[in-house]
Amino acid sequence: MMKVKKGILDILKGKFLVDGDSLKNWRFIIFTSLLAAIMISSSHSADKKVHKIAALNEEVKELKSEFVDVRSDLQQLKLESTITATVEEKGLYPSETPPKKIKVKSQTASK
């Protein structure tokens, strides 16, 4: 029991950092600190990517919604009734008589 208590006190006082074989302890501490820094950096990088993906997904949703709105507006504008109303405002009216097909015979073929 006494050895456990003494060992804990030595650790708390930091004697393992100043003893004769403390070089290997320092190497291990530096190594674990370096690994912890790499892990934290990797975690922050992953978090940034997750937030960027979420923002891009929101932007995609907004753009899809805008696309649907614009497409429905375009379909409305392409309707014959809408075109007729717009053209009538400018003084043009649809023809009362249907168009006739004109056939032109080539004169070069008869020569």
PDB file of N, CA and C in Angstrom:
ATOM      1  N   MET A   1       0.829  -1.184   0.000  1.00  0.00           N
ATOM      2  CA  MET A   1       0.000   0.000   0.000  1.00  0.00           C
ATOM      3  C   MET A   1       0.874   1.248   0.000  1.00  0.00           C
ATOM      4  N   MET A   2       1.971   1.167   0.736  1.00  0.00           N
ATOM      5  CA  MET A   2       2.870   2.307   0.858  1.00  0.00           C
ATOM      6  C   MET A   2       3.570   2.604  -0.468  1.00  0.00           C
ATOM      7  N   LYS A   3       3.921   1.543  -1.217  1.00  0.00           N
ATOM      8  CA  LYS A   3       4.587   1.724  -2.504  1.00  0.00           C
ATOM      9  C   LYS A   3       3.640   2.393  -3.504  1.00  0.00           C
ATOM     10  N   VAL A   4       2.368   2.016  -3.470  1.00  0.00           N
ATOM     11  CA  VAL A   4       1.382   2.616  -4.379  1.00  0.00           C
ATOM     12  C   VAL A   4       1.240   4.097  -4.068  1.00  0.00           C
ATOM     13  N   LYS A   5       1.166   4.409  -2.772  1.00  0.00           N
ATOM     14  CA  LYS A   5       1.026   5.803  -2.344  1.00  0.00           C
ATOM     15  C   LYS A   5       2.263   6.608  -2.759  1.00  0.00           C
ATOM     16  N   LYS A   6       3.455   6.018  -2.559  1.00  0.00           N
ATOM     17  CA  LYS A   6       4.704   6.691  -2.922  1.00  0.00           C
ATOM     18  C   LYS A   6       4.785   6.883  -4.435  1.00  0.00           C
ATOM     19  N   GLY A   7       4.343   5.865  -5.196  1.00  0.00           N
ATOM     20  CA  GLY A   7       4.355   5.957  -6.663  1.00  0.00           C
ATOM     21  C   GLY A   7       3.436   7.064  -7.168  1.00  0.00           C
ATOM     22  N   ILE A   8       2.277   7.185  -6.549  1.00  0.00           N
ATOM     23  CA  ILE A   8       1.335   8.238  -6.950  1.00  0.00           C
ATOM     24  C   ILE A   8       1.909   9.605  -6.607  1.00  0.00           C
ATOM     25  N   LEU A   9       2.516   9.725  -5.442  1.00  0.00           N
ATOM     26  CA  LEU A   9       3.128  10.996  -5.046  1.00  0.00           C
ATOM     27  C   LEU A   9       4.283  11.365  -5.974  1.00  0.00           C
ATOM     28  N   ASP A  10       5.080  10.368  -6.385  1.00  0.00           N
ATOM     29  CA  ASP A  10       6.176  10.627  -7.319  1.00  0.00           C
ATOM     30  C   ASP A  10       5.646  11.141  -8.655  1.00  0.00           C
ATOM     31  N   ILE A  11       4.555  10.550  -9.102  1.00  0.00           N
ATOM     32  CA  ILE A  11       3.962  10.993 -10.372  1.00  0.00           C
ATOM     33  C   ILE A  11       3.428  12.412 -10.237  1.00  0.00           C
ATOM     34  N   LEU A  12       2.738  12.695  -9.145  1.00  0.00           N
ATOM     35  CA  LEU A  12       2.183  14.029  -8.932  1.00  0.00           C
ATOM     36  C   LEU A  12       3.276  15.090  -8.785  1.00  0.00           C
ATOM     37  N   LYS A  13       4.387  14.726  -8.165  1.00  0.00           N
ATOM     38  CA  LYS A  13       5.492  15.665  -7.992  1.00  0.00           C
ATOM     39  C   LYS A  13       6.320  15.802  -9.272  1.00  0.00           C
ATOM     40  N   GLY A  14       6.177  14.858 -10.199  1.00  0.00           N
ATOM     41  CA  GLY A  14       6.914  14.913 -11.452  1.00  0.00           C
ATOM     42  C   GLY A  14       8.314  14.360 -11.371  1.00  0.00           C
ATOM     43  N   LYS A  15       8.576  13.475 -10.420  1.00  0.00           N
ATOM     44  CA  LYS A  15       9.918  12.905 -10.270  1.00  0.00           C
ATOM     45  C   LYS A  15      10.313  12.045 -11.474  1.00  0.00           C
ATOM     46  N   PHE A  16       9.323  11.467 -12.146  1.00  0.00           N
ATOM     47  CA  PHE A  16       9.636  10.620 -13.304  1.00  0.00           C
ATOM     48  C   PHE A  16      10.189  11.452 -14.460  1.00  0.00           C
ATOM     49  N   LEU A  17      10.069  12.784 -14.374  1.00  0.00           N
ATOM     50  CA  LEU A  17      10.588  13.652 -15.434  1.00  0.00           C
ATOM     51  C   LEU A  17      12.022  14.113 -15.176  1.00  0.00           C
ATOM     52  N   VAL A  18      12.500  13.944 -13.959  1.00  0.00           N
ATOM     53  CA  VAL A  18      13.840  14.433 -13.628  1.00  0.00           C
ATOM     54  C   VAL A  18      14.779  13.324 -13.175  1.00  0.00           C
ATOM     55  N   ASP A  19      14.298  12.102 -13.094  1.00  0.00           N
ATOM     56  CA  ASP A  19      15.160  10.983 -12.691  1.00  0.00           C
ATOM     57  C   ASP A  19      16.189  10.698 -13.778  1.00  0.00           C
ATOM     58  N   GLY A  20      17.064   9.755 -13.513  1.00  0.00           N
ATOM     59  CA  GLY A  20      18.149   9.400 -14.422  1.00  0.00           C
ATOM     60  C   GLY A  20      17.657   8.863 -15.765  1.00  0.00           C
ATOM     61  N   ASP A  21      16.607   8.057 -15.787  1.00  0.00           N
ATOM     62  CA  ASP A  21      16.112   7.496 -17.041  1.00  0.00           C
ATOM     63  C   ASP A  21      14.897   8.275 -17.565  1.00  0.00           C
ATOM     64  N   SER A  22      14.887   9.571 -17.304  1.00  0.00           N
ATOM     65  CA  SER A  22      13.737  10.394 -17.694  1.00  0.00           C
ATOM     66  C   SER A  22      13.699  10.676 -19.202  1.00  0.00           C
ATOM     67  N   LEU A  23      14.820  10.448 -19.909  1.00  0.00           N
ATOM     68  CA  LEU A  23      14.851  10.719 -21.348  1.00  0.00           C
ATOM     69  C   LEU A  23      13.805   9.900 -22.089  1.00  0.00           C
ATOM     70  N   LYS A  24      13.651   8.622 -21.762  1.00  0.00           N
ATOM     71  CA  LYS A  24      12.650   7.799 -22.436  1.00  0.00           C
ATOM     72  C   LYS A  24      11.235   8.248 -22.060  1.00  0.00           C
ATOM     73  N   ASN A  25      11.064   8.743 -20.824  1.00  0.00           N
ATOM     74  CA  ASN A  25       9.752   9.279 -20.439  1.00  0.00           C
ATOM     75  C   ASN A  25       9.420  10.541 -21.239  1.00  0.00           C
ATOM     76  N   TRP A  26      10.431  11.406 -21.427  1.00  0.00           N
ATOM     77  CA  TRP A  26      10.214  12.629 -22.205  1.00  0.00           C
ATOM     78  C   TRP A  26       9.889  12.289 -23.663  1.00  0.00           C
ATOM     79  N   ARG A  27      10.577  11.330 -24.228  1.00  0.00           N
ATOM     80  CA  ARG A  27      10.289  10.905 -25.611  1.00  0.00           C
ATOM     81  C   ARG A  27       8.851  10.430 -25.740  1.00  0.00           C
ATOM     82  N   PHE A  28       8.428   9.628 -24.773  1.00  0.00           N
ATOM     83  CA  PHE A  28       7.051   9.115 -24.807  1.00  0.00           C
ATOM     84  C   PHE A  28       6.045  10.253 -24.668  1.00  0.00           C
ATOM     85  N   ILE A  29       6.312  11.210 -23.794  1.00  0.00           N
ATOM     86  CA  ILE A  29       5.400  12.349 -23.603  1.00  0.00           C
ATOM     87  C   ILE A  29       5.326  13.188 -24.876  1.00  0.00           C
ATOM     88  N   ILE A  30       6.466  13.439 -25.501  1.00  0.00           N
ATOM     89  CA  ILE A  30       6.478  14.219 -26.744  1.00  0.00           C
ATOM     90  C   ILE A  30       5.744  13.466 -27.847  1.00  0.00           C
ATOM     91  N   PHE A  31       5.983  12.162 -27.924  1.00  0.00           N
ATOM     92  CA  PHE A  31       5.313  11.345 -28.941  1.00  0.00           C
ATOM     93  C   PHE A  31       3.792  11.369 -28.753  1.00  0.00           C
ATOM     94  N   THR A  32       3.326  11.176 -27.526  1.00  0.00           N
ATOM     95  CA  THR A  32       1.874  11.180 -27.282  1.00  0.00           C
ATOM     96  C   THR A  32       1.286  12.573 -27.505  1.00  0.00           C
ATOM     97  N   SER A  33       2.054  13.628 -27.170  1.00  0.00           N
ATOM     98  CA  SER A  33       1.577  14.996 -27.426  1.00  0.00           C
ATOM     99  C   SER A  33       1.443  15.247 -28.918  1.00  0.00           C
ATOM    100  N   LEU A  34       2.406  14.776 -29.682  1.00  0.00           N
ATOM    101  CA  LEU A  34       2.355  14.921 -31.131  1.00  0.00           C
ATOM    102  C   LEU A  34       1.154  14.160 -31.714  1.00  0.00           C
ATOM    103  N   LEU A  35       0.934  12.954 -31.252  1.00  0.00           N
ATOM    104  CA  LEU A  35      -0.222  12.187 -31.717  1.00  0.00           C
ATOM    105  C   LEU A  35      -1.539  12.879 -31.355  1.00  0.00           C
ATOM    106  N   ALA A  36      -1.603  13.442 -30.153  1.00  0.00           N
ATOM    107  CA  ALA A  36      -2.822  14.155 -29.735  1.00  0.00           C
ATOM    108  C   ALA A  36      -3.052  15.377 -30.618  1.00  0.00           C
ATOM    109  N   ALA A  37      -1.986  16.117 -30.944  1.00  0.00           N
ATOM    110  CA  ALA A  37      -2.118  17.298 -31.808  1.00  0.00           C
ATOM    111  C   ALA A  37      -2.595  16.903 -33.196  1.00  0.00           C
ATOM    112  N   ILE A  38      -2.057  15.813 -33.731  1.00  0.00           N
ATOM    113  CA  ILE A  38      -2.495  15.331 -35.051  1.00  0.00           C
ATOM    114  C   ILE A  38      -3.956  14.904 -35.009  1.00  0.00           C
ATOM    115  N   MET A  39      -4.349  14.231 -33.960  1.00  0.00           N
ATOM    116  CA  MET A  39      -5.733  13.789 -33.822  1.00  0.00           C
ATOM    117  C   MET A  39      -6.688  14.980 -33.731  1.00  0.00           C
ATOM    118  N   ILE A  40      -6.321  15.988 -32.962  1.00  0.00           N
ATOM    119  CA  ILE A  40      -7.165  17.186 -32.822  1.00  0.00           C
ATOM    120  C   ILE A  40      -7.273  17.913 -34.161  1.00  0.00           C
ATOM    121  N   SER A  41      -6.151  18.040 -34.846  1.00  0.00           N
ATOM    122  CA  SER A  41      -6.153  18.698 -36.151  1.00  0.00           C
ATOM    123  C   SER A  41      -7.037  17.943 -37.145  1.00  0.00           C
ATOM    124  N   SER A  42      -6.931  16.641 -37.153  1.00  0.00           N
ATOM    125  CA  SER A  42      -7.749  15.824 -38.043  1.00  0.00           C
ATOM    126  C   SER A  42      -9.232  15.961 -37.714  1.00  0.00           C
ATOM    127  N   SER A  43      -9.544  16.007 -36.447  1.00  0.00           N
ATOM    128  CA  SER A  43     -10.935  16.166 -36.023  1.00  0.00           C
ATOM    129  C   SER A  43     -11.501  17.510 -36.467  1.00  0.00           C
ATOM    130  N   HIS A  44     -10.717  18.577 -36.306  1.00  0.00           N
ATOM    131  CA  HIS A  44     -11.164  19.903 -36.736  1.00  0.00           C
ATOM    132  C   HIS A  44     -11.362  19.944 -38.248  1.00  0.00           C
ATOM    133  N   SER A  45     -10.459  19.313 -38.972  1.00  0.00           N
ATOM    134  CA  SER A  45     -10.574  19.273 -40.430  1.00  0.00           C
ATOM    135  C   SER A  45     -11.843  18.537 -40.847  1.00  0.00           C
ATOM    136  N   ALA A  46     -12.129  17.428 -40.209  1.00  0.00           N
ATOM    137  CA  ALA A  46     -13.341  16.665 -40.520  1.00  0.00           C
ATOM    138  C   ALA A  46     -14.591  17.476 -40.186  1.00  0.00           C
ATOM    139  N   ASP A  47     -14.576  18.191 -39.065  1.00  0.00           N
ATOM    140  CA  ASP A  47     -15.718  19.038 -38.695  1.00  0.00           C
ATOM    141  C   ASP A  47     -15.953  20.128 -39.731  1.00  0.00           C
ATOM    142  N   LYS A  48     -14.876  20.761 -40.206  1.00  0.00           N
ATOM    143  CA  LYS A  48     -15.013  21.796 -41.232  1.00  0.00           C
ATOM    144  C   LYS A  48     -15.651  21.221 -42.488  1.00  0.00           C
ATOM    145  N   LYS A  49     -15.223  20.025 -42.874  1.00  0.00           N
ATOM    146  CA  LYS A  49     -15.775  19.403 -44.078  1.00  0.00           C
ATOM    147  C   LYS A  49     -17.244  19.070 -43.896  1.00  0.00           C
ATOM    148  N   VAL A  50     -17.615  18.610 -42.719  1.00  0.00           N
ATOM    149  CA  VAL A  50     -19.022  18.289 -42.450  1.00  0.00           C
ATOM    150  C   VAL A  50     -19.874  19.553 -42.545  1.00  0.00           C
ATOM    151  N   HIS A  51     -19.395  20.655 -41.968  1.00  0.00           N
ATOM    152  CA  HIS A  51     -20.142  21.913 -42.032  1.00  0.00           C
ATOM    153  C   HIS A  51     -20.240  22.426 -43.469  1.00  0.00           C
ATOM    154  N   LYS A  52     -19.168  22.277 -44.231  1.00  0.00           N
ATOM    155  CA  LYS A  52     -19.185  22.720 -45.630  1.00  0.00           C
ATOM    156  C   LYS A  52     -20.173  21.881 -46.436  1.00  0.00           C
ATOM    157  N   ILE A  53     -20.200  20.574 -46.194  1.00  0.00           N
ATOM    158  CA  ILE A  53     -21.143  19.695 -46.895  1.00  0.00           C
ATOM    159  C   ILE A  53     -22.573  20.071 -46.553  1.00  0.00           C
ATOM    160  N   ALA A  54     -22.839  20.370 -45.295  1.00  0.00           N
ATOM    161  CA  ALA A  54     -24.193  20.775 -44.886  1.00  0.00           C
ATOM    162  C   ALA A  54     -24.598  22.076 -45.566  1.00  0.00           C
ATOM    163  N   ALA A  55     -23.672  23.032 -45.632  1.00  0.00           N
ATOM    164  CA  ALA A  55     -23.974  24.312 -46.290  1.00  0.00           C
ATOM    165  C   ALA A  55     -24.226  24.107 -47.777  1.00  0.00           C
ATOM    166  N   LEU A  56     -23.431  23.257 -48.416  1.00  0.00           N
ATOM    167  CA  LEU A  56     -23.622  22.989 -49.846  1.00  0.00           C
ATOM    168  C   LEU A  56     -24.944  22.264 -50.098  1.00  0.00           C
ATOM    169  N   ASN A  57     -25.338  21.368 -49.198  1.00  0.00           N
ATOM    170  CA  ASN A  57     -26.629  20.692 -49.344  1.00  0.00           C
ATOM    171  C   ASN A  57     -27.777  21.690 -49.246  1.00  0.00           C
ATOM    172  N   GLU A  58     -27.667  22.645 -48.343  1.00  0.00           N
ATOM    173  CA  GLU A  58     -28.694  23.694 -48.230  1.00  0.00           C
ATOM    174  C   GLU A  58     -28.755  24.520 -49.507  1.00  0.00           C
ATOM    175  N   GLU A  59     -27.586  24.843 -50.053  1.00  0.00           N
ATOM    176  CA  GLU A  59     -27.543  25.624 -51.288  1.00  0.00           C
ATOM    177  C   GLU A  59     -28.161  24.840 -52.442  1.00  0.00           C
ATOM    178  N   VAL A  60     -27.910  23.539 -52.490  1.00  0.00           N
ATOM    179  CA  VAL A  60     -28.497  22.699 -53.534  1.00  0.00           C
ATOM    180  C   VAL A  60     -30.018  22.701 -53.412  1.00  0.00           C
ATOM    181  N   LYS A  61     -30.530  22.598 -52.192  1.00  0.00           N
ATOM    182  CA  LYS A  61     -31.981  22.615 -51.984  1.00  0.00           C
ATOM    183  C   LYS A  61     -32.577  23.934 -52.463  1.00  0.00           C
ATOM    184  N   GLU A  62     -31.914  25.045 -52.132  1.00  0.00           N
ATOM    185  CA  GLU A  62     -32.406  26.358 -52.559  1.00  0.00           C
ATOM    186  C   GLU A  62     -32.385  26.475 -54.079  1.00  0.00           C
ATOM    187  N   LEU A  63     -31.303  26.010 -54.704  1.00  0.00           N
ATOM    188  CA  LEU A  63     -31.203  26.104 -56.162  1.00  0.00           C
ATOM    189  C   LEU A  63     -32.232  25.215 -56.855  1.00  0.00           C
ATOM    190  N   LYS A  64     -32.509  24.035 -56.295  1.00  0.00           N
ATOM    191  CA  LYS A  64     -33.539  23.170 -56.866  1.00  0.00           C
ATOM    192  C   LYS A  64     -34.902  23.841 -56.778  1.00  0.00           C
ATOM    193  N   SER A  65     -35.180  24.467 -55.647  1.00  0.00           N
ATOM    194  CA  SER A  65     -36.446  25.165 -55.466  1.00  0.00           C
ATOM    195  C   SER A  65     -36.567  26.316 -56.462  1.00  0.00           C
ATOM    196  N   GLU A  66     -35.492  27.064 -56.618  1.00  0.00           N
ATOM    197  CA  GLU A  66     -35.492  28.170 -57.580  1.00  0.00           C
ATOM    198  C   GLU A  66     -35.687  27.647 -58.999  1.00  0.00           C
ATOM    199  N   PHE A  67     -35.054  26.528 -59.327  1.00  0.00           N
ATOM    200  CA  PHE A  67     -35.194  25.928 -60.657  1.00  0.00           C
ATOM    201  C   PHE A  67     -36.642  25.549 -60.926  1.00  0.00           C
ATOM    202  N   VAL A  68     -37.292  24.937 -59.940  1.00  0.00           N
ATOM    203  CA  VAL A  68     -38.692  24.532 -60.110  1.00  0.00           C
ATOM    204  C   VAL A  68     -39.572  25.763 -60.330  1.00  0.00           C
ATOM    205  N   ASP A  69     -39.333  26.828 -59.567  1.00  0.00           N
ATOM    206  CA  ASP A  69     -40.114  28.058 -59.723  1.00  0.00           C
ATOM    207  C   ASP A  69     -39.930  28.661 -61.112  1.00  0.00           C
ATOM    208  N   VAL A  70     -38.681  28.749 -61.557  1.00  0.00           N
ATOM    209  CA  VAL A  70     -38.396  29.340 -62.862  1.00  0.00           C
ATOM    210  C   VAL A  70     -38.971  28.467 -63.982  1.00  0.00           C
ATOM    211  N   ARG A  71     -38.878  27.150 -63.827  1.00  0.00           N
ATOM    212  CA  ARG A  71     -39.418  26.258 -64.854  1.00  0.00           C
ATOM    213  C   ARG A  71     -40.930  26.395 -64.955  1.00  0.00           C
ATOM    214  N   SER A  72     -41.624  26.519 -63.827  1.00  0.00           N
ATOM    215  CA  SER A  72     -43.080  26.680 -63.875  1.00  0.00           C
ATOM    216  C   SER A  72     -43.444  28.030 -64.480  1.00  0.00           C
ATOM    217  N   ASP A  73     -42.663  29.078 -64.176  1.00  0.00           N
ATOM    218  CA  ASP A  73     -42.899  30.384 -64.806  1.00  0.00           C
ATOM    219  C   ASP A  73     -42.698  30.300 -66.313  1.00  0.00           C
ATOM    220  N   LEU A  74     -41.665  29.601 -66.749  1.00  0.00           N
ATOM    221  CA  LEU A  74     -41.393  29.443 -68.181  1.00  0.00           C
ATOM    222  C   LEU A  74     -42.517  28.682 -68.872  1.00  0.00           C
ATOM    223  N   GLN A  75     -42.995  27.625 -68.254  1.00  0.00           N
ATOM    224  CA  GLN A  75     -44.104  26.870 -68.839  1.00  0.00           C
ATOM    225  C   GLN A  75     -45.342  27.747 -68.965  1.00  0.00           C
ATOM    226  N   GLN A  76     -45.572  28.590 -67.985  1.00  0.00           N
ATOM    227  CA  GLN A  76     -46.710  29.509 -68.031  1.00  0.00           C
ATOM    228  C   GLN A  76     -46.538  30.501 -69.185  1.00  0.00           C
ATOM    229  N   LEU A  77     -45.302  30.999 -69.370  1.00  0.00           N
ATOM    230  CA  LEU A  77     -45.046  31.963 -70.447  1.00  0.00           C
ATOM    231  C   LEU A  77     -45.144  31.327 -71.826  1.00  0.00           C
ATOM    232  N   LYS A  78     -44.888  30.031 -71.934  1.00  0.00           N
ATOM    233  CA  LYS A  78     -44.928  29.348 -73.225  1.00  0.00           C
ATOM    234  C   LYS A  78     -46.343  28.971 -73.662  1.00  0.00           C
ATOM    235  N   LEU A  79     -47.325  29.128 -72.798  1.00  0.00           N
ATOM    236  CA  LEU A  79     -48.698  28.792 -73.159  1.00  0.00           C
ATOM    237  C   LEU A  79     -49.187  29.705 -74.272  1.00  0.00           C
ATOM    238  N   GLU A  80     -49.983  29.150 -75.173  1.00  0.00           N
ATOM    239  CA  GLU A  80     -50.481  29.923 -76.314  1.00  0.00           C
ATOM    240  C   GLU A  80     -51.317  31.107 -75.852  1.00  0.00           C
ATOM    241  N   SER A  81     -52.112  30.908 -74.817  1.00  0.00           N
ATOM    242  CA  SER A  81     -52.960  31.997 -74.328  1.00  0.00           C
ATOM    243  C   SER A  81     -52.123  33.158 -73.790  1.00  0.00           C
ATOM    244  N   THR A  82     -51.018  32.860 -73.139  1.00  0.00           N
ATOM    245  CA  THR A  82     -50.142  33.913 -72.613  1.00  0.00           C
ATOM    246  C   THR A  82     -49.465  34.658 -73.755  1.00  0.00           C
ATOM    247  N   ILE A  83     -49.009  33.912 -74.750  1.00  0.00           N
ATOM    248  CA  ILE A  83     -48.350  34.533 -75.898  1.00  0.00           C
ATOM    249  C   ILE A  83     -49.349  35.403 -76.658  1.00  0.00           C
ATOM    250  N   THR A  84     -50.565  34.901 -76.857  1.00  0.00           N
ATOM    251  CA  THR A  84     -51.596  35.658 -77.573  1.00  0.00           C
ATOM    252  C   THR A  84     -51.915  36.953 -76.836  1.00  0.00           C
ATOM    253  N   ALA A  85     -52.051  36.881 -75.516  1.00  0.00           N
ATOM    254  CA  ALA A  85     -52.351  38.077 -74.739  1.00  0.00           C
ATOM    255  C   ALA A  85     -51.206  39.085 -74.815  1.00  0.00           C
ATOM    256  N   THR A  86     -49.992  38.632 -74.774  1.00  0.00           N
ATOM    257  CA  THR A  86     -48.834  39.528 -74.846  1.00  0.00           C
ATOM    258  C   THR A  86     -48.737  40.196 -76.213  1.00  0.00           C
ATOM    259  N   VAL A  87     -48.994  39.433 -77.265  1.00  0.00           N
ATOM    260  CA  VAL A  87     -48.893  39.966 -78.618  1.00  0.00           C
ATOM    261  C   VAL A  87     -50.053  40.916 -78.898  1.00  0.00           C
ATOM    262  N   GLU A  88     -51.232  40.647 -78.351  1.00  0.00           N
ATOM    263  CA  GLU A  88     -52.378  41.527 -78.562  1.00  0.00           C
ATOM    264  C   GLU A  88     -52.135  42.901 -77.941  1.00  0.00           C
ATOM    265  N   GLU A  89     -51.373  42.955 -76.851  1.00  0.00           N
ATOM    266  CA  GLU A  89     -51.034  44.246 -76.244  1.00  0.00           C
ATOM    267  C   GLU A  89     -50.212  45.109 -77.191  1.00  0.00           C
ATOM    268  N   LYS A  90     -49.481  44.460 -78.095  1.00  0.00           N
ATOM    269  CA  LYS A  90     -48.639  45.180 -79.056  1.00  0.00           C
ATOM    270  C   LYS A  90     -49.372  45.440 -80.375  1.00  0.00           C
ATOM    271  N   GLY A  91     -50.630  45.044 -80.443  1.00  0.00           N
ATOM    272  CA  GLY A  91     -51.432  45.328 -81.629  1.00  0.00           C
ATOM    273  C   GLY A  91     -51.450  44.215 -82.656  1.00  0.00           C
ATOM    274  N   LEU A  92     -50.971  43.063 -82.349  1.00  0.00           N
ATOM    275  CA  LEU A  92     -50.993  41.923 -83.277  1.00  0.00           C
ATOM    276  C   LEU A  92     -52.069  40.951 -82.826  1.00  0.00           C
ATOM    277  N   TYR A  93     -52.796  40.426 -83.817  1.00  0.00           N
ATOM    278  CA  TYR A  93     -53.874  39.493 -83.505  1.00  0.00           C
ATOM    279  C   TYR A  93     -53.670  38.219 -84.312  1.00  0.00           C
ATOM    280  N   PRO A  94     -54.191  37.090 -83.835  1.00  0.00           N
ATOM    281  CA  PRO A  94     -54.039  35.850 -84.601  1.00  0.00           C
ATOM    282  C   PRO A  94     -54.820  35.918 -85.912  1.00  0.00           C
ATOM    283  N   SER A  95     -54.330  35.236 -86.890  1.00  0.00           N
ATOM    284  CA  SER A  95     -54.954  35.236 -88.217  1.00  0.00           C
ATOM    285  C   SER A  95     -56.290  34.499 -88.172  1.00  0.00           C
ATOM    286  N   GLU A  96     -57.248  35.047 -88.930  1.00  0.00           N
ATOM    287  CA  GLU A  96     -58.575  34.409 -89.010  1.00  0.00           C
ATOM    288  C   GLU A  96     -58.535  33.227 -89.965  1.00  0.00           C
ATOM    289  N   THR A  97     -57.686  33.326 -90.984  1.00  0.00           N
ATOM    290  CA  THR A  97     -57.602  32.248 -91.982  1.00  0.00           C
ATOM    291  C   THR A  97     -56.345  31.437 -91.721  1.00  0.00           C
ATOM    292  N   PRO A  98     -56.442  30.136 -91.900  1.00  0.00           N
ATOM    293  CA  PRO A  98     -55.254  29.298 -91.682  1.00  0.00           C
ATOM    294  C   PRO A  98     -54.219  29.530 -92.783  1.00  0.00           C
ATOM    295  N   PRO A  99     -52.984  29.292 -92.497  1.00  0.00           N
ATOM    296  CA  PRO A  99     -51.939  29.488 -93.514  1.00  0.00           C
ATOM    297  C   PRO A  99     -52.028  28.430 -94.606  1.00  0.00           C
ATOM    298  N   LYS A 100     -51.563  28.797 -95.820  1.00  0.00           N
ATOM    299  CA  LYS A 100     -51.548  27.866 -96.949  1.00  0.00           C
ATOM    300  C   LYS A 100     -50.109  27.554 -97.304  1.00  0.00           C
ATOM    301  N   LYS A 101     -49.893  26.343 -97.724  1.00  0.00           N
ATOM    302  CA  LYS A 101     -48.565  25.906 -98.090  1.00  0.00           C
ATOM    303  C   LYS A 101     -48.283  26.323 -99.524  1.00  0.00           C
ATOM    304  N   ILE A 102     -47.155  26.937 -99.762  1.00  0.00           N
ATOM    305  CA  ILE A 102     -46.772  27.383-101.100  1.00  0.00           C
ATOM    306  C   ILE A 102     -45.707  26.429-101.608  1.00  0.00           C
ATOM    307  N   LYS A 103     -45.944  25.887-102.782  1.00  0.00           N
ATOM    308  CA  LYS A 103     -44.967  24.983-103.399  1.00  0.00           C
ATOM    309  C   LYS A 103     -44.308  25.729-104.538  1.00  0.00           C
ATOM    310  N   VAL A 104     -43.003  25.720-104.553  1.00  0.00           N
ATOM    311  CA  VAL A 104     -42.225  26.378-105.606  1.00  0.00           C
ATOM    312  C   VAL A 104     -41.566  25.282-106.411  1.00  0.00           C
ATOM    313  N   LYS A 105     -41.832  25.344-107.720  1.00  0.00           N
ATOM    314  CA  LYS A 105     -41.188  24.373-108.595  1.00  0.00           C
ATOM    315  C   LYS A 105     -39.884  24.944-109.085  1.00  0.00           C
ATOM    316  N   SER A 106     -38.884  24.162-109.068  1.00  0.00           N
ATOM    317  CA  SER A 106     -37.571  24.608-109.491  1.00  0.00           C
ATOM    318  C   SER A 106     -37.506  24.671-111.002  1.00  0.00           C
ATOM    319  N   GLN A 107     -37.040  25.767-111.549  1.00  0.00           N
ATOM    320  CA  GLN A 107     -36.936  25.901-113.013  1.00  0.00           C
ATOM    321  C   GLN A 107     -35.645  25.287-113.537  1.00  0.00           C
ATOM    322  N   THR A 108     -34.691  25.039-112.672  1.00  0.00           N
ATOM    323  CA  THR A 108     -33.426  24.450-113.119  1.00  0.00           C
ATOM    324  C   THR A 108     -33.615  22.999-113.522  1.00  0.00           C
ATOM    325  N   ALA A 109     -34.609  22.342-112.982  1.00  0.00           N
ATOM    326  CA  ALA A 109     -34.825  20.941-113.313  1.00  0.00           C
ATOM    327  C   ALA A 109     -35.402  20.788-114.706  1.00  0.00           C
ATOM    328  N   SER A 110     -36.165  21.785-115.222  1.00  0.00           N
ATOM    329  CA  SER A 110     -36.791  21.661-116.537  1.00  0.00           C
ATOM    330  C   SER A 110     -35.836  22.010-117.656  1.00  0.00           C
ATOM    331  N   LYS A 111     -34.752  22.658-117.418  1.00  0.00           N
ATOM    332  CA  LYS A 111     -33.789  23.044-118.457  1.00  0.00           C
ATOM    333  C   LYS A 111     -32.973  21.924-118.938  1.00  0.00           C
TER     334      LYS A 111
END
